[in-house]
Protein backbone atom coordinates (compact mmCIF):
# COMPACT_ATOMS: atom_id res chain seq x y z
CA UNK A 1 138.30 159.70 248.91
CA UNK A 2 135.75 162.50 249.36
CA UNK A 3 132.52 161.85 247.46
CA UNK A 4 132.04 164.09 244.43
CA UNK A 5 128.57 165.30 243.40
CA UNK A 6 129.75 165.15 239.79
CA UNK A 7 130.58 161.45 239.64
CA UNK A 8 127.76 159.28 238.26
CA UNK A 9 126.38 156.52 240.48
CA UNK A 10 125.79 152.90 239.48
CA UNK A 11 123.65 150.44 241.44
CA UNK A 12 124.78 146.81 241.14
CA UNK A 13 122.75 144.13 242.89
CA UNK A 14 124.09 140.75 243.92
CA UNK A 15 127.79 141.54 244.32
CA UNK A 16 128.56 139.10 247.14
CA UNK A 17 131.53 137.15 245.81
CA UNK A 18 134.86 138.47 244.63
CA UNK A 19 134.90 136.01 241.73
CA UNK A 20 131.33 136.74 240.68
CA UNK A 21 129.79 138.77 237.90
CA UNK A 22 128.50 141.51 240.20
CA UNK A 23 131.97 142.21 241.53
CA UNK A 24 133.36 142.30 237.97
CA UNK A 25 130.69 144.81 236.94
CA UNK A 26 131.47 146.97 239.95
CA UNK A 27 135.20 147.02 239.16
CA UNK A 28 134.56 147.80 235.50
CA UNK A 29 132.32 150.76 236.28
CA UNK A 30 134.58 152.05 239.04
CA UNK A 31 137.38 152.11 236.49
CA UNK A 32 135.07 154.08 234.18
CA UNK A 33 134.56 156.78 236.81
CA UNK A 34 131.40 155.69 238.60
CA UNK A 35 130.72 155.70 242.31
CA UNK A 36 129.27 152.34 243.27
CA UNK A 37 126.26 151.26 245.30
CA UNK A 38 126.18 147.47 245.60
CA UNK A 39 124.06 144.95 247.46
CA UNK A 40 124.91 141.50 248.75
CA UNK A 41 123.19 138.66 250.56
CA UNK A 42 125.73 136.22 251.96
CA UNK A 43 123.00 134.27 253.77
CA UNK A 44 122.01 132.93 250.35
CA UNK A 45 125.62 132.34 249.33
CA UNK A 46 126.26 130.17 252.38
CA UNK A 47 124.12 127.49 250.74
CA UNK A 48 126.80 127.16 248.05
CA UNK A 49 130.15 125.40 248.25
CA UNK A 50 131.78 128.44 246.66
CA UNK A 51 130.59 131.00 249.24
CA UNK A 52 132.87 133.99 249.87
CA UNK A 53 132.19 135.38 253.38
CA UNK A 54 134.70 138.23 253.01
CA UNK A 55 133.50 139.05 249.48
CA UNK A 56 131.57 142.28 250.15
CA UNK A 57 134.21 143.79 252.44
CA UNK A 58 137.01 142.88 250.03
CA UNK A 59 135.08 144.31 247.08
CA UNK A 60 134.49 147.57 248.92
CA UNK A 61 138.22 147.90 249.61
CA UNK A 62 139.02 147.10 245.98
CA UNK A 63 136.58 149.71 244.66
CA UNK A 64 137.86 152.38 247.02
CA UNK A 65 141.39 151.68 245.79
CA UNK A 66 140.02 152.44 242.31
CA UNK A 67 138.95 155.89 243.59
CA UNK A 68 135.25 155.07 243.81
CA UNK A 69 133.08 156.18 246.68
CA UNK A 70 131.08 153.16 247.80
CA UNK A 71 127.81 152.39 249.58
CA UNK A 72 126.96 148.75 250.23
CA UNK A 73 124.54 146.75 252.36
CA UNK A 74 123.00 143.33 252.77
CA UNK A 75 119.58 143.29 251.12
CA UNK A 76 117.24 140.28 251.06
CA UNK A 77 115.36 140.41 247.76
CA UNK A 78 112.68 138.08 249.13
CA UNK A 79 111.37 140.91 251.32
CA UNK A 80 108.88 143.60 250.32
CA UNK A 81 111.21 146.37 251.49
CA UNK A 82 114.11 145.40 249.20
CA UNK A 83 113.48 148.01 246.50
CA UNK A 84 113.23 150.86 249.00
CA UNK A 85 116.39 149.64 250.76
CA UNK A 86 118.36 149.70 247.52
CA UNK A 87 117.42 153.26 246.63
CA UNK A 88 117.87 154.50 250.19
CA UNK A 89 121.38 153.07 250.00
CA UNK A 90 122.10 154.73 246.64
CA UNK A 91 120.93 158.05 248.07
CA UNK A 92 123.98 158.02 250.35
CA UNK A 93 126.07 158.85 247.28
CA UNK A 94 125.80 162.47 246.08
CA UNK A 95 126.18 162.02 242.33
CA UNK A 96 123.42 161.49 239.77
CA UNK A 97 122.05 157.95 239.59
CA UNK A 98 122.77 156.80 236.01
CA UNK A 99 123.05 153.00 235.99
CA UNK A 100 121.12 150.05 237.39
CA UNK A 101 122.49 146.54 236.91
CA UNK A 102 120.05 143.84 237.99
CA UNK A 103 122.46 141.02 238.77
CA UNK A 104 121.06 139.46 241.97
CA UNK A 105 119.52 136.06 241.36
CA UNK A 106 117.92 133.08 243.05
CA UNK A 107 118.94 129.76 241.50
CA UNK A 108 118.35 126.17 242.57
CA UNK A 109 118.09 122.93 240.65
CA UNK A 110 115.59 120.12 241.04
CA UNK A 111 113.51 117.70 238.99
CA UNK A 112 110.11 118.83 237.88
CA UNK A 113 108.64 116.35 240.34
CA UNK A 114 110.46 118.07 243.20
CA UNK A 115 109.62 121.66 242.24
CA UNK A 116 107.32 123.29 244.81
CA UNK A 117 105.20 126.41 244.54
CA UNK A 118 107.29 128.00 247.29
CA UNK A 119 110.53 127.46 245.39
CA UNK A 120 109.00 128.67 242.15
CA UNK A 121 107.82 131.81 243.94
CA UNK A 122 111.33 132.54 245.27
CA UNK A 123 112.70 132.51 241.73
CA UNK A 124 109.96 134.74 240.41
CA UNK A 125 110.21 137.20 243.30
CA UNK A 126 113.99 137.67 243.22
CA UNK A 127 114.73 137.28 239.53
CA UNK A 128 111.67 138.73 237.83
CA UNK A 129 109.57 140.79 240.25
CA UNK A 130 112.25 142.62 242.22
CA UNK A 131 114.45 143.36 239.20
CA UNK A 132 111.41 144.74 237.37
CA UNK A 133 110.36 146.91 240.31
CA UNK A 134 113.93 148.18 240.71
CA UNK A 135 113.87 149.13 237.03
CA UNK A 136 110.56 150.95 237.43
CA UNK A 137 111.78 152.84 240.49
CA UNK A 138 114.99 153.79 238.68
CA UNK A 139 112.93 155.27 235.86
CA UNK A 140 110.72 157.16 238.32
CA UNK A 141 113.76 158.78 239.88
CA UNK A 142 115.71 159.45 236.69
CA UNK A 143 115.71 163.16 235.88
CA UNK A 144 118.89 163.61 233.83
CA UNK A 145 116.99 163.08 230.53
CA UNK A 146 119.92 161.38 228.82
CA UNK A 147 122.36 158.54 229.44
CA UNK A 148 120.35 156.36 231.82
CA UNK A 149 121.18 152.67 231.68
CA UNK A 150 119.32 149.60 232.95
CA UNK A 151 120.98 146.24 232.36
CA UNK A 152 119.52 142.96 233.57
CA UNK A 153 121.13 139.53 233.58
CA UNK A 154 119.48 136.65 231.82
CA UNK A 155 120.77 133.10 231.38
CA UNK A 156 120.39 131.79 227.86
CA UNK A 157 117.16 129.98 228.65
CA UNK A 158 115.96 130.90 225.18
CA UNK A 159 118.97 129.19 223.63
CA UNK A 160 118.03 125.68 224.78
CA UNK A 161 116.07 123.71 227.39
CA UNK A 162 116.96 123.78 231.11
CA UNK A 163 114.93 120.80 232.41
CA UNK A 164 116.37 120.80 235.93
CA UNK A 165 116.03 124.59 236.30
CA UNK A 166 112.42 125.13 235.32
CA UNK A 167 111.66 127.93 237.79
CA UNK A 168 114.95 129.65 237.05
CA UNK A 169 114.39 129.47 233.29
CA UNK A 170 110.85 130.80 233.62
CA UNK A 171 111.93 133.71 235.81
CA UNK A 172 114.77 134.65 233.48
CA UNK A 173 112.43 134.41 230.49
CA UNK A 174 110.20 136.93 232.25
CA UNK A 175 113.17 139.29 232.49
CA UNK A 176 113.67 139.15 228.72
CA UNK A 177 110.00 139.92 228.08
CA UNK A 178 110.09 142.84 230.51
CA UNK A 179 113.29 144.29 229.03
CA UNK A 180 111.91 144.38 225.50
CA UNK A 181 108.73 146.22 226.52
CA UNK A 182 110.21 148.45 229.22
CA UNK A 183 112.80 149.74 226.75
CA UNK A 184 109.95 151.21 224.71
CA UNK A 185 108.10 152.45 227.79
CA UNK A 186 111.00 154.54 229.12
CA UNK A 187 112.99 155.35 225.99
CA UNK A 188 111.58 158.86 225.97
CA UNK A 189 113.14 159.48 229.39
CA UNK A 190 116.63 158.97 227.98
CA UNK A 191 117.08 155.47 229.43
CA UNK A 192 118.25 152.42 227.52
CA UNK A 193 117.17 148.98 228.77
CA UNK A 194 119.01 145.82 227.79
CA UNK A 195 119.75 142.32 229.05
CA UNK A 196 123.00 140.39 228.93
CA UNK A 197 123.31 136.61 228.86
CA UNK A 198 126.78 135.59 230.10
CA UNK A 199 126.39 131.91 229.23
CA UNK A 200 128.28 129.36 231.33
CA UNK A 201 130.76 131.57 233.14
CA UNK A 202 133.58 130.68 235.52
CA UNK A 203 132.44 132.56 238.61
CA UNK A 204 133.64 129.87 241.01
CA UNK A 205 130.84 127.32 240.76
CA UNK A 206 132.38 125.05 238.10
CA UNK A 207 134.22 121.89 239.08
CA UNK A 208 137.35 120.87 237.19
CA UNK A 209 135.38 118.02 235.63
CA UNK A 210 132.63 120.34 234.42
CA UNK A 211 135.16 122.75 232.93
CA UNK A 212 136.68 119.88 230.97
CA UNK A 213 133.26 119.00 229.57
CA UNK A 214 132.25 122.57 228.74
CA UNK A 215 135.47 123.97 227.28
CA UNK A 216 135.15 122.27 223.85
CA UNK A 217 131.65 123.71 223.49
CA UNK A 218 132.98 127.30 223.25
CA UNK A 219 133.83 128.39 219.71
CA UNK A 220 136.63 130.58 221.08
CA UNK A 221 138.28 127.66 222.84
CA UNK A 222 137.89 128.60 226.51
CA UNK A 223 135.30 129.10 229.22
CA UNK A 224 134.04 132.63 229.76
CA UNK A 225 135.12 134.72 232.73
CA UNK A 226 133.42 137.63 234.54
CA UNK A 227 135.70 140.27 232.93
CA UNK A 228 134.53 139.07 229.49
CA UNK A 229 130.97 140.03 230.41
CA UNK A 230 131.95 143.13 232.37
CA UNK A 231 133.55 144.64 229.26
CA UNK A 232 130.24 144.37 227.43
CA UNK A 233 128.33 145.82 230.39
CA UNK A 234 130.83 148.67 230.54
CA UNK A 235 130.29 149.35 226.84
CA UNK A 236 126.49 149.35 227.29
CA UNK A 237 126.90 151.95 230.03
CA UNK A 238 129.03 154.18 227.79
CA UNK A 239 127.90 156.94 225.42
CA UNK A 240 128.89 154.66 222.52
CA UNK A 241 125.83 152.51 223.35
CA UNK A 242 123.31 155.34 223.18
CA UNK A 243 121.50 153.68 220.27
CA UNK A 244 121.21 150.17 221.73
CA UNK A 245 118.05 149.36 223.67
CA UNK A 246 115.53 146.54 224.05
CA UNK A 247 118.19 143.95 223.22
CA UNK A 248 119.12 140.56 224.67
CA UNK A 249 122.87 140.32 224.14
CA UNK A 250 124.46 136.86 224.28
CA UNK A 251 128.04 137.09 225.57
CA UNK A 252 128.87 133.39 225.36
CA UNK A 253 131.99 133.02 223.25
CA UNK A 254 130.09 130.98 220.67
CA UNK A 255 128.85 128.41 223.21
CA UNK A 256 126.87 125.52 221.68
CA UNK A 257 124.36 123.44 223.60
CA UNK A 258 124.49 120.25 221.53
């Protein structure tokens, strides 16, 4: 499909796996008429049992079948050039840049005794620092004056303790604090800034045993899936969400942590 200068552009970071949240967000926005710029980093995914080596290529094909023009690239968010790489990539698409979804994340588990400064720094750099700097650069470049959307992903760390994910919880807590203040800072530019907490979500990492344990904890009787969250993200990107900003939205299906 030939790129159209009239189609809005959405940046989605961390869309490496076909079953992941980033891919679901990309599909949702492609169906809503956006061209898609997405990043991936399969070198990180290879550490996981649920890695999807063909994920980025398959997602690109899927989005193009939905009539979206696509730009994608591998971007390592631990590097100082990551923010510039993302916006250079988005510049390949001719339409106005309207949406930024900060979905890329660094996540490991360990006891507090095993947590090192280096590992803590990786969480802060990827989850808090880079997402914040992407948000700032988006606002610097936003000239449309209305309809801009920044959505970051948090993880329910404010809903209960995460004792084996201390660095992850701290970095995601920083995202929430940034979202609340940045929404006020850039509201006059016509940009809304929100965060979405997807809760425990079946993106491929859950074992059958874990699903059995978690399922009864959801008020709605099932574990959440990426499309559940993508629908909310799609709504937040729509004109119907013009009056929603500075919010942390829990999309957990009534999940309880007791």
